[in-house]
Amino acid sequence: MQILVIEDDIEASRYLSENLVSHGHRVETAADGKRGLALAKSKTYNVLVVDRMLPELDGLSIIRNLRSQNINTPAMVLSALGQVDHRIEGLRAGGDDYLVKPYAFSELHARLEALTRRTAPPDTTLLTVGDLELNLVNHKVCRQGQAIRLQPREFCLLEYLMRHAGQIMTRTMLLQQVWDINFDPKTNVIEAHISRLRRKIDNDFDVCLIHTVRGVGYYLGERA
């Protein structure tokens, strides 16, 4: 997921961002409400994590502003204010979820996944990222109309990357989801398959779609 964290507490923001990145997400941060609102308006995110008490502009005002402009990015409100009236106010302002501090990261992460599932588009038989297309019915892949032949495991790997376009997929995630391996066998199987995919998907085209985030994993998208 592409996530915007709007949090003025530097340590809290760093803790949340590092944990989200370690789970394969891409994170941007803002330390005040005005900056957060500007980012939320100008860029596309899968979900927003918004602290309620912020300098410049409070979190609920950010969400109200976005909703008034029909920007419906799912938003989770974080706050030390945990009474029922506070939670109701946060939800009525346009928040999709409200989590009281202190919180367990595992709960926050599960709630974010639930928010994005609610807003995810229905399954399709055709996946597209830029000019790359993958047909789930006939297992055909093409880019700019040019057919690309893939081996079955390469197809599965590409499908997984395309379903999570723009999100960083770690080695552990790829082993579990593409190879159904729940431990790291310490081989270069992932690197070898990524290398082959790059030759087939990227080498003959001007724009590279498969990117490496050194020490973290891989993602598929139109920008590095």
Protein backbone atom coordinates (compact mmCIF):
# COMPACT_ATOMS: atom_id res chain seq x y z
CA MET A 1 0.00 0.00 0.00
CA GLN A 2 0.95 3.61 -0.50
CA ILE A 3 0.35 5.21 2.91
CA LEU A 4 0.48 8.80 4.14
CA VAL A 5 1.23 9.20 7.86
CA ILE A 6 0.37 12.63 9.29
CA GLU A 7 1.94 12.72 12.75
CA ASP A 8 3.82 15.54 14.50
CA ASP A 9 5.54 13.34 17.11
CA ILE A 10 8.85 12.48 15.42
CA GLU A 11 9.45 9.27 17.36
CA ALA A 12 5.89 8.05 16.87
CA SER A 13 6.07 8.83 13.16
CA ARG A 14 9.40 7.02 12.78
CA TYR A 15 8.15 3.96 14.68
CA LEU A 16 5.01 3.70 12.57
CA SER A 17 6.77 4.36 9.26
CA GLU A 18 9.56 1.84 9.88
CA ASN A 19 7.08 -0.88 10.81
CA LEU A 20 4.89 -0.20 7.79
CA VAL A 21 7.89 -0.27 5.45
CA SER A 22 9.07 -3.55 7.00
CA HIS A 23 5.68 -4.99 6.04
CA GLY A 24 6.17 -4.02 2.41
CA HIS A 25 4.36 -0.69 2.25
CA ARG A 26 5.50 2.62 0.83
CA VAL A 27 5.18 5.47 3.30
CA GLU A 28 5.29 9.24 3.15
CA THR A 29 5.08 11.42 6.25
CA ALA A 30 3.97 14.91 7.17
CA ALA A 31 4.68 16.57 10.52
CA ASP A 32 1.88 19.15 10.47
CA GLY A 33 -1.70 19.40 9.27
CA LYS A 34 -1.20 21.82 6.40
CA ARG A 35 1.57 19.75 4.85
CA GLY A 36 -0.47 16.60 5.35
CA LEU A 37 -3.53 18.10 3.68
CA ALA A 38 -1.47 19.31 0.73
CA LEU A 39 0.01 15.84 0.20
CA ALA A 40 -3.36 14.11 0.57
CA LYS A 41 -4.80 16.41 -2.10
CA SER A 42 -1.94 16.24 -4.56
CA LYS A 43 -1.05 12.53 -4.47
CA THR A 44 -2.86 9.20 -4.54
CA TYR A 45 -2.68 7.01 -1.44
CA ASN A 46 -4.35 3.75 -0.51
CA VAL A 47 -4.93 4.95 3.04
CA LEU A 48 -4.20 7.86 5.39
CA VAL A 49 -3.12 7.59 9.03
CA VAL A 50 -3.97 10.91 10.69
CA ASP A 51 -3.12 12.00 14.21
CA ARG A 52 -5.98 13.99 15.70
CA MET A 53 -3.95 16.70 17.45
CA LEU A 54 -1.61 18.38 14.96
CA PRO A 55 0.02 21.80 14.58
CA GLU A 56 -1.27 24.15 11.87
CA LEU A 57 -4.42 22.10 11.19
CA ASP A 58 -5.95 19.34 13.29
CA GLY A 59 -6.58 15.85 11.95
CA LEU A 60 -10.37 16.03 11.85
CA SER A 61 -10.21 19.30 9.90
CA ILE A 62 -7.94 17.59 7.36
CA ILE A 63 -10.47 14.80 6.85
CA ARG A 64 -13.44 17.19 6.65
CA ASN A 65 -11.60 19.24 4.03
CA LEU A 66 -10.84 16.15 1.95
CA ARG A 67 -14.40 14.85 2.13
CA SER A 68 -15.80 18.26 1.14
CA GLN A 69 -13.76 17.95 -2.07
CA ASN A 70 -14.91 14.37 -2.72
CA ILE A 71 -11.49 12.93 -1.87
CA ASN A 72 -12.51 9.66 -0.25
CA THR A 73 -9.16 8.06 0.56
CA PRO A 74 -9.74 5.81 3.60
CA ALA A 75 -8.54 7.55 6.75
CA MET A 76 -7.66 6.16 10.16
CA VAL A 77 -7.64 8.62 13.04
CA LEU A 78 -5.06 8.14 15.82
CA SER A 79 -5.73 9.87 19.11
CA ALA A 80 -5.13 9.77 22.85
CA LEU A 81 -8.74 10.93 23.19
CA GLY A 82 -10.59 7.68 23.57
CA GLN A 83 -14.02 8.41 25.03
CA VAL A 84 -17.09 7.39 23.06
CA ASP A 85 -17.93 11.00 22.15
CA HIS A 86 -14.42 11.52 20.79
CA ARG A 87 -14.63 8.41 18.61
CA ILE A 88 -18.06 9.37 17.31
CA GLU A 89 -16.78 12.84 16.44
CA GLY A 90 -13.87 11.35 14.52
CA LEU A 91 -16.11 9.04 12.51
CA ARG A 92 -18.67 11.76 11.80
CA ALA A 93 -15.89 14.01 10.52
CA GLY A 94 -15.31 11.45 7.77
CA GLY A 95 -12.81 9.12 9.41
CA ASP A 96 -13.18 5.48 8.45
CA ASP A 97 -11.65 4.11 11.65
CA TYR A 98 -10.50 5.46 15.01
CA LEU A 99 -7.68 3.93 17.04
CA VAL A 100 -6.82 5.09 20.54
CA LYS A 101 -3.20 5.60 21.62
CA PRO A 102 -1.25 3.73 22.82
CA TYR A 103 -1.94 1.03 20.28
CA ALA A 104 -0.40 -2.27 19.17
CA PHE A 105 1.11 -2.03 15.70
CA SER A 106 -0.33 -5.43 14.77
CA GLU A 107 -3.85 -4.13 15.40
CA LEU A 108 -3.21 -0.93 13.44
CA HIS A 109 -1.83 -2.92 10.52
CA ALA A 110 -4.81 -5.30 10.51
CA ARG A 111 -7.22 -2.37 10.56
CA LEU A 112 -5.43 -0.69 7.65
CA GLU A 113 -5.68 -3.91 5.63
CA ALA A 114 -9.39 -4.09 6.42
CA LEU A 115 -9.93 -0.49 5.29
CA THR A 116 -8.26 -1.08 1.94
CA ARG A 117 -10.17 -4.34 1.39
CA ARG A 118 -13.44 -2.46 1.75
CA THR A 119 -12.46 0.01 -0.95
CA ALA A 120 -10.65 -2.39 -3.30
CA PRO A 121 -12.11 -2.78 -6.80
CA PRO A 122 -13.73 -6.12 -7.65
CA ASP A 123 -11.60 -8.90 -9.09
CA THR A 124 -10.92 -8.57 -12.79
CA THR A 125 -9.68 -10.95 -15.45
CA LEU A 126 -7.22 -8.37 -16.80
CA LEU A 127 -4.45 -6.76 -14.74
CA THR A 128 -2.79 -3.63 -16.15
CA VAL A 129 0.15 -1.54 -14.97
CA GLY A 130 1.08 1.16 -17.43
CA ASP A 131 1.36 -0.50 -20.83
CA LEU A 132 1.77 -4.00 -19.35
CA GLU A 133 -1.24 -6.35 -19.45
CA LEU A 134 -1.74 -9.76 -17.86
CA ASN A 135 -4.81 -11.82 -18.75
CA LEU A 136 -5.83 -14.18 -15.95
CA VAL A 137 -8.11 -16.26 -18.19
CA ASN A 138 -5.81 -17.19 -21.08
CA HIS A 139 -2.54 -16.53 -19.19
CA LYS A 140 -1.30 -14.17 -21.89
CA VAL A 141 1.03 -11.27 -21.13
CA CYS A 142 1.76 -8.38 -23.45
CA ARG A 143 3.36 -4.96 -23.35
CA GLN A 144 2.59 -2.32 -25.96
CA GLY A 145 0.78 -5.07 -27.83
CA GLN A 146 3.87 -7.26 -27.94
CA ALA A 147 3.31 -10.80 -26.62
CA ILE A 148 5.63 -11.93 -23.81
CA ARG A 149 6.06 -15.63 -23.08
CA LEU A 150 6.50 -16.55 -19.42
CA GLN A 151 7.12 -19.78 -17.58
CA PRO A 152 4.38 -20.72 -15.05
CA ARG A 153 6.34 -19.52 -12.00
CA GLU A 154 7.30 -16.30 -13.78
CA PHE A 155 3.62 -15.72 -14.54
CA CYS A 156 2.67 -16.26 -10.89
CA LEU A 157 5.40 -13.88 -9.74
CA LEU A 158 4.35 -11.20 -12.21
CA GLU A 159 0.68 -11.62 -11.26
CA TYR A 160 1.52 -11.13 -7.58
CA LEU A 161 3.61 -8.03 -8.29
CA MET A 162 0.89 -6.56 -10.53
CA ARG A 163 -1.83 -7.21 -7.94
CA HIS A 164 0.29 -5.20 -5.49
CA ALA A 165 1.58 -2.59 -7.94
CA GLY A 166 3.44 0.23 -6.21
CA GLN A 167 3.85 -1.78 -3.00
CA ILE A 168 7.19 -3.17 -1.88
CA MET A 169 7.11 -6.96 -1.72
CA THR A 170 9.71 -8.41 0.62
CA ARG A 171 11.58 -11.66 0.05
CA THR A 172 9.48 -13.32 2.76
CA MET A 173 6.23 -12.25 1.11
CA LEU A 174 7.33 -13.57 -2.28
CA LEU A 175 8.47 -16.90 -0.85
CA GLN A 176 5.17 -17.34 0.98
CA GLN A 177 2.80 -16.14 -1.73
CA VAL A 178 4.49 -17.32 -4.94
CA TRP A 179 6.46 -20.38 -3.78
CA ASP A 180 4.34 -21.33 -0.74
CA ILE A 181 7.52 -21.54 1.36
CA ASN A 182 7.28 -20.32 4.95
CA PHE A 183 11.01 -20.21 5.61
CA ASP A 184 13.95 -18.73 3.76
CA PRO A 185 15.88 -21.54 2.01
CA LYS A 186 18.81 -19.16 1.45
CA THR A 187 18.84 -19.64 -2.32
CA ASN A 188 18.79 -17.11 -5.14
CA VAL A 189 15.50 -18.41 -6.56
CA ILE A 190 13.76 -15.03 -6.19
CA GLU A 191 16.67 -13.07 -7.63
CA ALA A 192 16.90 -15.46 -10.60
CA HIS A 193 13.20 -15.17 -11.40
CA ILE A 194 13.22 -11.38 -11.02
CA SER A 195 16.21 -11.22 -13.37
CA ARG A 196 14.42 -13.29 -15.99
CA LEU A 197 11.26 -11.22 -15.64
CA ARG A 198 13.26 -8.03 -16.12
CA ARG A 199 14.77 -9.34 -19.34
CA LYS A 200 11.33 -10.17 -20.68
CA ILE A 201 9.32 -7.25 -19.29
CA ASP A 202 11.74 -4.32 -19.30
CA ASN A 203 14.73 -4.82 -21.60
CA ASP A 204 13.04 -3.91 -24.88
CA PHE A 205 11.11 -0.94 -23.52
CA ASP A 206 11.98 2.63 -22.54
CA VAL A 207 10.33 2.55 -19.10
CA CYS A 208 11.38 -0.01 -16.50
CA LEU A 209 8.54 -1.42 -14.41
CA ILE A 210 10.35 -3.80 -12.05
CA HIS A 211 12.33 -2.03 -9.33
CA THR A 212 14.59 -3.17 -6.51
CA VAL A 213 14.49 -1.49 -3.12
CA ARG A 214 17.90 -2.52 -1.82
CA GLY A 215 17.74 -4.47 1.41
CA VAL A 216 13.93 -4.47 1.41
CA GLY A 217 12.43 -6.13 -1.67
CA TYR A 218 10.90 -5.42 -5.08
CA TYR A 219 7.97 -3.53 -6.52
CA LEU A 220 6.35 -3.10 -9.89
CA GLY A 221 5.36 0.35 -11.04
CA GLU A 222 5.96 3.13 -13.54
CA ARG A 223 8.24 5.20 -11.35
CA ALA A 224 11.36 4.34 -9.38
